């Protein structure tokens, strides 16, 4: 299953409803739902051209088109109180899926080459190419690895928080 597609199991189980839409940096879904007017001022402001509007006229980031450089121009252009630079830019990190070329025996290090934070390292293994590993504490969620992945194997995923042990 690609980032945009749905397999039968996901569709039938309602998994599509929980799909994570990537919002511009320094925003959160709840604030966008309340404060975003859908004017689209953030779209032409983005020098990377990675922001578009979803069907509800809310901004989304399309990492297939490139990475976020955290320049802040989208926030500067927005006339509404949608952006909060006191929070982390993105709540997600990159996660590598099963279609990753090295996991299938094909040498590839495109994601590591693209990562500006050097958050992706490669672990050597016997009998196959080195496997990529993302250091979650170093991943900024910029999407550089997503745009660079020829296997469409990387997705932006919000980490699940563990329930406290009682």
N, C-alpha and C. Protein backbone atom coordinates (compact mmCIF):
# COMPACT_ATOMS: atom_id res chain seq x y z
N UNK A 1 0.83 -1.18 0.00
CA UNK A 1 0.00 0.00 0.00
C UNK A 1 0.87 1.23 0.00
N UNK A 2 0.68 2.14 -0.93
CA UNK A 2 1.42 3.38 -0.99
C UNK A 2 0.88 4.40 -0.01
N UNK A 3 1.51 5.54 0.04
CA UNK A 3 1.07 6.59 0.95
C UNK A 3 -0.33 7.08 0.61
N UNK A 4 -0.67 7.09 -0.66
CA UNK A 4 -1.95 7.63 -1.07
C UNK A 4 -3.00 6.54 -1.27
N UNK A 5 -2.60 5.30 -1.53
CA UNK A 5 -3.54 4.24 -1.85
C UNK A 5 -4.05 3.52 -0.61
N UNK A 6 -5.10 2.76 -0.81
CA UNK A 6 -5.66 1.95 0.26
C UNK A 6 -5.75 0.51 -0.19
N UNK A 7 -5.29 -0.40 0.66
CA UNK A 7 -5.51 -1.79 0.33
C UNK A 7 -6.91 -2.18 0.84
N UNK A 8 -7.37 -3.35 0.46
CA UNK A 8 -8.73 -3.78 0.78
C UNK A 8 -8.95 -3.85 2.29
N UNK A 9 -7.99 -4.39 3.02
CA UNK A 9 -8.13 -4.53 4.47
C UNK A 9 -8.27 -3.16 5.14
N UNK A 10 -7.46 -2.20 4.74
CA UNK A 10 -7.53 -0.87 5.32
C UNK A 10 -8.87 -0.21 5.03
N UNK A 11 -9.32 -0.34 3.79
CA UNK A 11 -10.61 0.25 3.41
C UNK A 11 -11.76 -0.35 4.21
N UNK A 12 -11.81 -1.68 4.26
CA UNK A 12 -12.92 -2.35 4.92
C UNK A 12 -12.90 -2.16 6.44
N UNK A 13 -11.73 -1.95 7.01
CA UNK A 13 -11.66 -1.75 8.46
C UNK A 13 -11.81 -0.29 8.84
N UNK A 14 -11.98 0.58 7.85
CA UNK A 14 -12.16 2.00 8.14
C UNK A 14 -10.86 2.72 8.41
N UNK A 15 -9.74 2.12 8.06
CA UNK A 15 -8.43 2.71 8.30
C UNK A 15 -8.21 4.03 7.60
N UNK A 16 -8.96 4.25 6.53
CA UNK A 16 -8.79 5.49 5.78
C UNK A 16 -9.21 6.70 6.61
N UNK A 17 -10.08 6.53 7.56
CA UNK A 17 -10.55 7.65 8.37
C UNK A 17 -9.46 8.19 9.27
N UNK A 18 -8.49 7.36 9.60
CA UNK A 18 -7.43 7.78 10.51
C UNK A 18 -6.18 8.25 9.77
N UNK A 19 -6.28 8.44 8.47
CA UNK A 19 -5.13 8.85 7.69
C UNK A 19 -4.58 10.16 8.22
N UNK A 20 -3.28 10.23 8.34
CA UNK A 20 -2.61 11.42 8.87
C UNK A 20 -2.32 12.38 7.74
N UNK A 21 -2.99 13.53 7.76
CA UNK A 21 -2.68 14.58 6.80
C UNK A 21 -1.58 15.43 7.41
N UNK A 22 -0.56 15.71 6.65
CA UNK A 22 0.53 16.53 7.15
C UNK A 22 0.15 17.99 6.94
N UNK A 23 0.10 18.72 8.02
CA UNK A 23 -0.21 20.14 7.98
C UNK A 23 1.10 20.94 7.94
N UNK A 24 1.03 22.21 7.57
CA UNK A 24 2.26 23.02 7.54
C UNK A 24 2.94 23.06 8.91
N UNK A 25 4.23 23.40 8.92
CA UNK A 25 4.95 23.42 10.20
C UNK A 25 4.35 24.42 11.17
N UNK A 26 4.49 24.13 12.45
CA UNK A 26 4.02 24.96 13.55
C UNK A 26 2.50 25.09 13.60
N UNK A 27 1.79 24.12 13.02
CA UNK A 27 0.32 24.11 13.09
C UNK A 27 -0.13 22.76 13.63
N UNK A 28 -1.37 22.72 14.06
CA UNK A 28 -1.98 21.47 14.49
C UNK A 28 -3.39 21.42 13.92
N UNK A 29 -3.91 20.23 13.71
CA UNK A 29 -5.24 20.04 13.12
C UNK A 29 -6.32 20.82 13.84
N UNK A 30 -6.31 20.79 15.17
CA UNK A 30 -7.37 21.45 15.93
C UNK A 30 -7.38 22.96 15.70
N UNK A 31 -6.21 23.56 15.63
CA UNK A 31 -6.12 25.01 15.40
C UNK A 31 -6.51 25.35 13.97
N UNK A 32 -6.07 24.54 13.02
CA UNK A 32 -6.44 24.77 11.62
C UNK A 32 -7.96 24.67 11.46
N UNK A 33 -8.57 23.69 12.10
CA UNK A 33 -10.02 23.52 12.00
C UNK A 33 -10.77 24.73 12.53
N UNK A 34 -10.24 25.36 13.57
CA UNK A 34 -10.90 26.52 14.17
C UNK A 34 -10.56 27.84 13.50
N UNK A 35 -9.29 28.04 13.14
CA UNK A 35 -8.84 29.37 12.75
C UNK A 35 -8.54 29.57 11.27
N UNK A 36 -8.29 28.51 10.53
CA UNK A 36 -7.91 28.67 9.12
C UNK A 36 -9.12 29.07 8.29
N UNK A 37 -8.97 30.14 7.52
CA UNK A 37 -10.07 30.62 6.66
C UNK A 37 -10.06 29.95 5.30
N UNK A 38 -8.98 29.22 4.99
CA UNK A 38 -8.87 28.57 3.69
C UNK A 38 -8.48 29.53 2.57
N UNK A 39 -7.88 30.66 2.94
CA UNK A 39 -7.53 31.67 1.94
C UNK A 39 -6.42 31.22 1.00
N UNK A 40 -5.56 30.31 1.47
CA UNK A 40 -4.48 29.80 0.63
C UNK A 40 -3.27 30.69 0.53
N UNK A 41 -3.14 31.70 1.39
CA UNK A 41 -1.99 32.60 1.34
C UNK A 41 -0.67 31.86 1.57
N UNK A 42 -0.72 30.75 2.26
CA UNK A 42 0.49 29.98 2.54
C UNK A 42 1.03 29.27 1.30
N UNK A 43 0.18 29.01 0.33
CA UNK A 43 0.58 28.24 -0.85
C UNK A 43 1.63 28.96 -1.69
N UNK A 44 1.37 30.17 -2.18
CA UNK A 44 2.40 30.84 -2.98
C UNK A 44 3.60 31.30 -2.15
N UNK A 45 3.43 31.39 -0.83
CA UNK A 45 4.53 31.81 0.04
C UNK A 45 5.60 30.73 0.18
N UNK A 46 5.23 29.48 -0.02
CA UNK A 46 6.17 28.37 0.17
C UNK A 46 7.14 28.27 -1.01
N UNK A 47 8.44 28.53 -0.78
CA UNK A 47 9.40 28.46 -1.89
C UNK A 47 9.62 27.04 -2.41
N UNK A 48 9.26 26.04 -1.62
CA UNK A 48 9.43 24.65 -2.04
C UNK A 48 8.21 24.14 -2.80
N UNK A 49 7.13 24.90 -2.81
CA UNK A 49 5.88 24.53 -3.49
C UNK A 49 5.34 23.18 -3.01
N UNK A 50 5.34 22.99 -1.69
CA UNK A 50 4.86 21.72 -1.14
C UNK A 50 3.53 21.85 -0.40
N UNK A 51 2.96 23.05 -0.37
CA UNK A 51 1.69 23.25 0.33
C UNK A 51 0.56 23.35 -0.69
N UNK A 52 -0.52 22.65 -0.40
CA UNK A 52 -1.73 22.73 -1.23
C UNK A 52 -2.93 22.74 -0.28
N UNK A 53 -4.11 22.85 -0.82
CA UNK A 53 -5.32 22.80 0.00
C UNK A 53 -6.01 21.46 -0.18
N UNK A 54 -6.51 20.91 0.93
CA UNK A 54 -7.28 19.66 0.84
C UNK A 54 -8.70 19.99 0.40
N UNK A 55 -9.55 19.00 0.35
CA UNK A 55 -10.91 19.23 -0.16
C UNK A 55 -11.74 20.12 0.76
N UNK A 56 -11.29 20.31 2.00
CA UNK A 56 -11.98 21.21 2.93
C UNK A 56 -11.34 22.60 2.96
N UNK A 57 -10.45 22.84 2.01
CA UNK A 57 -9.72 24.11 1.89
C UNK A 57 -8.84 24.37 3.10
N UNK A 58 -8.19 23.32 3.57
CA UNK A 58 -7.23 23.44 4.66
C UNK A 58 -5.86 23.08 4.11
N UNK A 59 -4.80 23.75 4.57
CA UNK A 59 -3.48 23.49 4.01
C UNK A 59 -2.92 22.12 4.40
N UNK A 60 -2.31 21.47 3.43
CA UNK A 60 -1.61 20.20 3.65
C UNK A 60 -0.24 20.29 2.99
N UNK A 61 0.70 19.55 3.53
CA UNK A 61 2.04 19.49 2.97
C UNK A 61 2.15 18.20 2.17
N UNK A 62 2.65 18.32 0.95
CA UNK A 62 2.84 17.18 0.06
C UNK A 62 4.34 16.91 -0.06
N UNK A 63 4.85 16.00 0.75
CA UNK A 63 6.28 15.71 0.74
C UNK A 63 6.74 15.02 -0.53
N UNK A 64 5.82 14.48 -1.32
CA UNK A 64 6.22 13.89 -2.60
C UNK A 64 6.84 14.96 -3.50
N UNK A 65 6.47 16.22 -3.28
CA UNK A 65 6.96 17.32 -4.10
C UNK A 65 8.27 17.90 -3.59
N UNK A 66 8.65 17.60 -2.37
CA UNK A 66 9.89 18.14 -1.82
C UNK A 66 9.86 18.17 -0.31
N UNK A 67 10.82 18.85 0.27
CA UNK A 67 10.96 18.90 1.71
C UNK A 67 10.64 20.29 2.26
N UNK A 68 10.33 20.34 3.54
CA UNK A 68 10.13 21.61 4.23
C UNK A 68 11.50 22.07 4.74
N UNK A 69 11.83 23.32 4.44
CA UNK A 69 13.11 23.88 4.90
C UNK A 69 12.95 24.72 6.16
N UNK A 70 11.74 24.79 6.69
CA UNK A 70 11.43 25.55 7.90
C UNK A 70 11.77 27.03 7.74
N UNK A 71 11.56 27.56 6.54
CA UNK A 71 11.87 28.97 6.28
C UNK A 71 10.88 29.90 6.97
N UNK A 72 9.67 29.42 7.24
CA UNK A 72 8.67 30.21 7.93
C UNK A 72 7.84 31.14 7.07
N UNK A 73 8.04 31.09 5.77
CA UNK A 73 7.30 32.01 4.90
C UNK A 73 5.80 31.72 4.89
N UNK A 74 5.42 30.47 5.05
CA UNK A 74 3.99 30.14 5.13
C UNK A 74 3.36 30.81 6.36
N UNK A 75 4.07 30.76 7.48
CA UNK A 75 3.58 31.39 8.71
C UNK A 75 3.51 32.90 8.56
N UNK A 76 4.52 33.48 7.92
CA UNK A 76 4.54 34.93 7.72
C UNK A 76 3.39 35.40 6.84
N UNK A 77 3.00 34.59 5.86
CA UNK A 77 1.95 34.97 4.91
C UNK A 77 0.54 34.78 5.45
N UNK A 78 0.39 33.98 6.47
CA UNK A 78 -0.94 33.63 6.98
C UNK A 78 -1.56 34.78 7.78
N UNK A 79 -2.76 35.22 7.37
CA UNK A 79 -3.43 36.31 8.09
C UNK A 79 -4.18 35.86 9.35
N UNK A 80 -4.26 34.56 9.56
CA UNK A 80 -5.02 34.02 10.70
C UNK A 80 -4.06 33.52 11.78
N UNK A 81 -4.54 33.34 13.02
CA UNK A 81 -3.68 32.85 14.11
C UNK A 81 -3.55 31.32 14.09
N UNK A 82 -3.01 30.82 13.00
CA UNK A 82 -2.91 29.37 12.79
C UNK A 82 -1.54 28.83 13.20
N UNK A 83 -0.51 29.61 13.01
CA UNK A 83 0.87 29.16 13.25
C UNK A 83 1.33 29.55 14.66
N UNK A 84 2.02 28.62 15.32
CA UNK A 84 2.55 28.84 16.66
C UNK A 84 4.00 28.35 16.68
N UNK A 85 4.92 29.28 16.53
CA UNK A 85 6.34 28.89 16.45
C UNK A 85 6.93 28.47 17.78
N UNK A 86 6.14 28.46 18.84
CA UNK A 86 6.66 27.99 20.12
C UNK A 86 6.55 26.47 20.26
N UNK A 87 5.85 25.83 19.32
CA UNK A 87 5.72 24.37 19.35
C UNK A 87 6.66 23.75 18.32
N UNK A 88 6.86 22.45 18.43
CA UNK A 88 7.69 21.73 17.45
C UNK A 88 7.06 21.90 16.07
N UNK A 89 7.86 22.05 15.03
CA UNK A 89 7.30 22.27 13.70
C UNK A 89 6.32 21.18 13.26
N UNK A 90 6.69 19.93 13.46
CA UNK A 90 5.82 18.82 13.04
C UNK A 90 5.67 17.83 14.19
N UNK A 91 4.48 17.22 14.33
CA UNK A 91 4.30 16.19 15.36
C UNK A 91 4.74 14.81 14.89
N UNK A 92 5.08 14.68 13.62
CA UNK A 92 5.39 13.37 13.04
C UNK A 92 6.90 13.17 12.86
N UNK A 93 7.25 11.93 12.61
CA UNK A 93 8.60 11.57 12.19
C UNK A 93 8.46 10.66 10.97
N UNK A 94 9.56 10.46 10.30
CA UNK A 94 9.56 9.57 9.14
C UNK A 94 9.64 8.12 9.62
N UNK A 95 8.88 7.26 8.98
CA UNK A 95 8.90 5.82 9.29
C UNK A 95 9.06 5.07 7.97
N UNK A 96 9.97 4.11 7.97
CA UNK A 96 10.27 3.34 6.77
C UNK A 96 9.43 2.07 6.74
N UNK A 97 8.75 1.84 5.63
CA UNK A 97 7.87 0.68 5.48
C UNK A 97 8.52 -0.50 4.79
N UNK A 98 7.73 -1.52 4.56
CA UNK A 98 8.19 -2.80 4.00
C UNK A 98 8.65 -2.74 2.55
N UNK A 99 8.26 -1.72 1.82
CA UNK A 99 8.64 -1.66 0.41
C UNK A 99 10.02 -1.05 0.20
N UNK A 100 10.72 -0.75 1.27
CA UNK A 100 12.08 -0.19 1.20
C UNK A 100 12.97 -1.14 0.39
N UNK A 101 13.69 -0.58 -0.57
CA UNK A 101 14.53 -1.41 -1.44
C UNK A 101 15.53 -2.29 -0.68
N UNK A 102 16.32 -1.77 0.28
CA UNK A 102 17.26 -2.65 0.99
C UNK A 102 16.59 -3.82 1.70
N UNK A 103 15.37 -3.64 2.17
CA UNK A 103 14.64 -4.74 2.82
C UNK A 103 14.30 -5.83 1.81
N UNK A 104 14.31 -5.47 0.52
CA UNK A 104 14.02 -6.43 -0.55
C UNK A 104 15.28 -6.84 -1.30
N UNK A 105 16.44 -6.51 -0.73
CA UNK A 105 17.70 -6.94 -1.31
C UNK A 105 18.29 -6.03 -2.37
N UNK A 106 17.76 -4.82 -2.51
CA UNK A 106 18.25 -3.87 -3.52
C UNK A 106 19.00 -2.75 -2.80
N UNK A 107 20.20 -2.48 -3.23
CA UNK A 107 21.01 -1.44 -2.60
C UNK A 107 20.41 -0.06 -2.89
N UNK A 108 20.19 0.71 -1.83
CA UNK A 108 19.67 2.08 -1.97
C UNK A 108 19.97 2.82 -0.68
N UNK A 109 20.42 4.05 -0.81
CA UNK A 109 20.63 4.91 0.36
C UNK A 109 20.14 6.32 0.07
N UNK A 110 19.15 6.44 -0.79
CA UNK A 110 18.63 7.75 -1.19
C UNK A 110 18.12 8.55 0.00
N UNK A 111 17.43 7.90 0.92
CA UNK A 111 16.88 8.61 2.07
C UNK A 111 17.98 9.19 2.95
N UNK A 112 19.01 8.41 3.19
CA UNK A 112 20.12 8.89 4.00
C UNK A 112 20.87 10.03 3.35
N UNK A 113 21.04 9.95 2.04
CA UNK A 113 21.71 11.02 1.31
C UNK A 113 20.91 12.31 1.37
N UNK A 114 19.59 12.22 1.41
CA UNK A 114 18.72 13.40 1.38
C UNK A 114 18.51 14.03 2.75
N UNK A 115 18.71 13.30 3.81
CA UNK A 115 18.38 13.79 5.16
C UNK A 115 19.34 14.89 5.62
N UNK A 116 18.83 16.13 5.79
CA UNK A 116 19.71 17.22 6.21
C UNK A 116 20.16 17.10 7.66
N UNK A 117 19.45 16.36 8.48
CA UNK A 117 19.79 16.19 9.89
C UNK A 117 20.67 14.97 10.14
N UNK A 118 20.94 14.22 9.09
CA UNK A 118 21.70 12.97 9.21
C UNK A 118 21.06 12.05 10.26
N UNK A 119 19.73 12.00 10.24
CA UNK A 119 18.98 11.17 11.19
C UNK A 119 18.85 9.73 10.71
N UNK A 120 19.28 9.46 9.47
CA UNK A 120 19.17 8.11 8.92
C UNK A 120 20.56 7.50 8.80
N UNK A 121 20.73 6.39 9.48
CA UNK A 121 21.99 5.65 9.37
C UNK A 121 21.67 4.29 8.75
N UNK A 122 22.70 3.57 8.38
CA UNK A 122 22.50 2.28 7.74
C UNK A 122 23.23 1.21 8.53
N UNK A 123 22.49 0.17 8.87
CA UNK A 123 23.04 -0.94 9.65
C UNK A 123 23.42 -2.07 8.71
N UNK A 124 24.67 -2.44 8.79
CA UNK A 124 25.16 -3.53 7.95
C UNK A 124 24.51 -4.85 8.38
N UNK A 125 24.34 -5.71 7.40
CA UNK A 125 23.81 -7.04 7.69
C UNK A 125 24.45 -8.03 6.74
N UNK A 126 24.49 -9.27 7.16
CA UNK A 126 25.06 -10.32 6.32
C UNK A 126 24.06 -10.72 5.24
N UNK A 127 24.54 -10.91 4.04
CA UNK A 127 23.71 -11.43 2.97
C UNK A 127 22.77 -10.43 2.33
N UNK A 128 22.98 -9.16 2.55
CA UNK A 128 22.10 -8.18 1.93
C UNK A 128 22.60 -6.77 2.15
N UNK A 129 21.99 -5.82 1.48
CA UNK A 129 22.42 -4.43 1.65
C UNK A 129 22.09 -3.90 3.04
N UNK A 130 22.82 -2.87 3.45
CA UNK A 130 22.59 -2.24 4.74
C UNK A 130 21.16 -1.69 4.81
N UNK A 131 20.55 -1.85 5.99
CA UNK A 131 19.17 -1.40 6.19
C UNK A 131 19.14 -0.02 6.84
N UNK A 132 18.25 0.85 6.37
CA UNK A 132 18.15 2.18 6.97
C UNK A 132 17.49 2.15 8.34
N UNK A 133 17.95 3.03 9.20
CA UNK A 133 17.41 3.17 10.55
C UNK A 133 17.25 4.67 10.82
N UNK A 134 16.07 5.08 11.25
CA UNK A 134 15.82 6.49 11.53
C UNK A 134 15.91 6.73 13.03
N UNK A 135 16.79 7.66 13.42
CA UNK A 135 16.90 8.07 14.82
C UNK A 135 15.78 9.07 15.10
N UNK A 136 14.75 8.62 15.78
CA UNK A 136 13.56 9.45 16.01
C UNK A 136 13.88 10.76 16.70
N UNK A 137 14.87 10.75 17.57
CA UNK A 137 15.21 11.97 18.29
C UNK A 137 15.91 13.01 17.42
N UNK A 138 16.38 12.61 16.25
CA UNK A 138 17.04 13.55 15.34
C UNK A 138 16.17 13.92 14.14
N UNK A 139 15.10 13.17 13.91
CA UNK A 139 14.22 13.42 12.76
C UNK A 139 13.37 14.66 13.03
N UNK A 140 13.43 15.63 12.11
CA UNK A 140 12.64 16.86 12.24
C UNK A 140 11.29 16.75 11.53
N UNK A 141 11.09 15.68 10.77
CA UNK A 141 9.86 15.52 10.02
C UNK A 141 9.80 16.36 8.76
N UNK A 142 10.95 16.82 8.28
CA UNK A 142 11.00 17.74 7.13
C UNK A 142 10.53 17.12 5.82
N UNK A 143 10.59 15.80 5.70
CA UNK A 143 10.12 15.12 4.50
C UNK A 143 11.14 14.94 3.40
N UNK A 144 12.39 15.34 3.64
CA UNK A 144 13.41 15.19 2.60
C UNK A 144 13.56 13.73 2.18
N UNK A 145 13.51 12.82 3.12
CA UNK A 145 13.65 11.40 2.82
C UNK A 145 12.44 10.87 2.06
N UNK A 146 11.27 11.40 2.35
CA UNK A 146 10.05 10.97 1.67
C UNK A 146 10.12 11.33 0.20
N UNK A 147 10.52 12.56 -0.07
CA UNK A 147 10.63 13.03 -1.46
C UNK A 147 11.68 12.25 -2.23
N UNK A 148 12.75 11.83 -1.54
CA UNK A 148 13.86 11.16 -2.21
C UNK A 148 13.67 9.66 -2.41
N UNK A 149 12.76 9.05 -1.70
CA UNK A 149 12.63 7.59 -1.72
C UNK A 149 12.04 7.08 -3.04
N UNK A 150 12.82 6.32 -3.82
CA UNK A 150 12.30 5.81 -5.08
C UNK A 150 11.31 4.65 -4.91
N UNK A 151 11.26 4.07 -3.72
CA UNK A 151 10.36 2.95 -3.46
C UNK A 151 9.04 3.39 -2.83
N UNK A 152 8.89 4.69 -2.57
CA UNK A 152 7.67 5.19 -1.93
C UNK A 152 7.45 4.46 -0.60
N UNK A 153 8.55 4.23 0.14
CA UNK A 153 8.49 3.41 1.34
C UNK A 153 8.48 4.19 2.64
N UNK A 154 8.57 5.51 2.57
CA UNK A 154 8.66 6.31 3.79
C UNK A 154 7.41 7.17 3.93
N UNK A 155 6.89 7.21 5.14
CA UNK A 155 5.69 8.01 5.42
C UNK A 155 5.90 8.83 6.69
N UNK A 156 5.22 9.95 6.75
CA UNK A 156 5.21 10.77 7.96
C UNK A 156 4.19 10.17 8.91
N UNK A 157 4.64 9.81 10.11
CA UNK A 157 3.78 9.13 11.07
C UNK A 157 3.91 9.76 12.44
N UNK A 158 2.80 10.05 13.07
CA UNK A 158 2.82 10.58 14.43
C UNK A 158 3.08 9.41 15.37
N UNK A 159 4.15 9.49 16.17
CA UNK A 159 4.45 8.38 17.08
C UNK A 159 3.33 8.17 18.08
N UNK A 160 3.05 6.93 18.36
CA UNK A 160 2.03 6.60 19.35
C UNK A 160 2.65 6.77 20.74
N UNK A 161 1.90 7.38 21.61
CA UNK A 161 2.38 7.56 22.98
C UNK A 161 1.99 6.33 23.79
N UNK A 162 2.95 5.84 24.56
CA UNK A 162 2.66 4.68 25.39
C UNK A 162 1.80 5.09 26.58
N UNK A 163 0.88 4.24 26.94
CA UNK A 163 0.07 4.48 28.13
C UNK A 163 0.96 4.29 29.36
N UNK A 164 0.75 5.09 30.38
CA UNK A 164 1.57 4.92 31.59
C UNK A 164 1.33 3.55 32.21
N UNK A 165 2.40 2.98 32.72
CA UNK A 165 2.30 1.67 33.38
C UNK A 165 1.75 1.88 34.79
N UNK A 166 0.75 1.11 35.11
CA UNK A 166 0.12 1.25 36.43
C UNK A 166 0.47 0.08 37.30
